[in-house]
C-alpha cells in the first residue's frame, strides 16, 4: 500500500504536536500504515436503518 507524502507529513505534524517528540519519515510511514490497516480491519459501513436505530437509542438514553 502506498501512502501519499502529504499524508505522511501531516501525520508527522499531528504526532509531534500530540507527543512533543520528533519522528523520522520512516517511523511515521510505518505507524501511519499500521493505522490504516487497523482502520480497514475494524471499519464496517453502517446501513441507514442501523444508523437510525443507534440515533433512536441515543435519544432514548440521553447520550448524545
Foldseek 3Di string as FASTA:
>chain_A
DDDDPVVLVVQQVVVCVVPVDHDDSVVSVVVVVVVVVVCVVPDDDDDPVRVVVVVVVCVVVVND
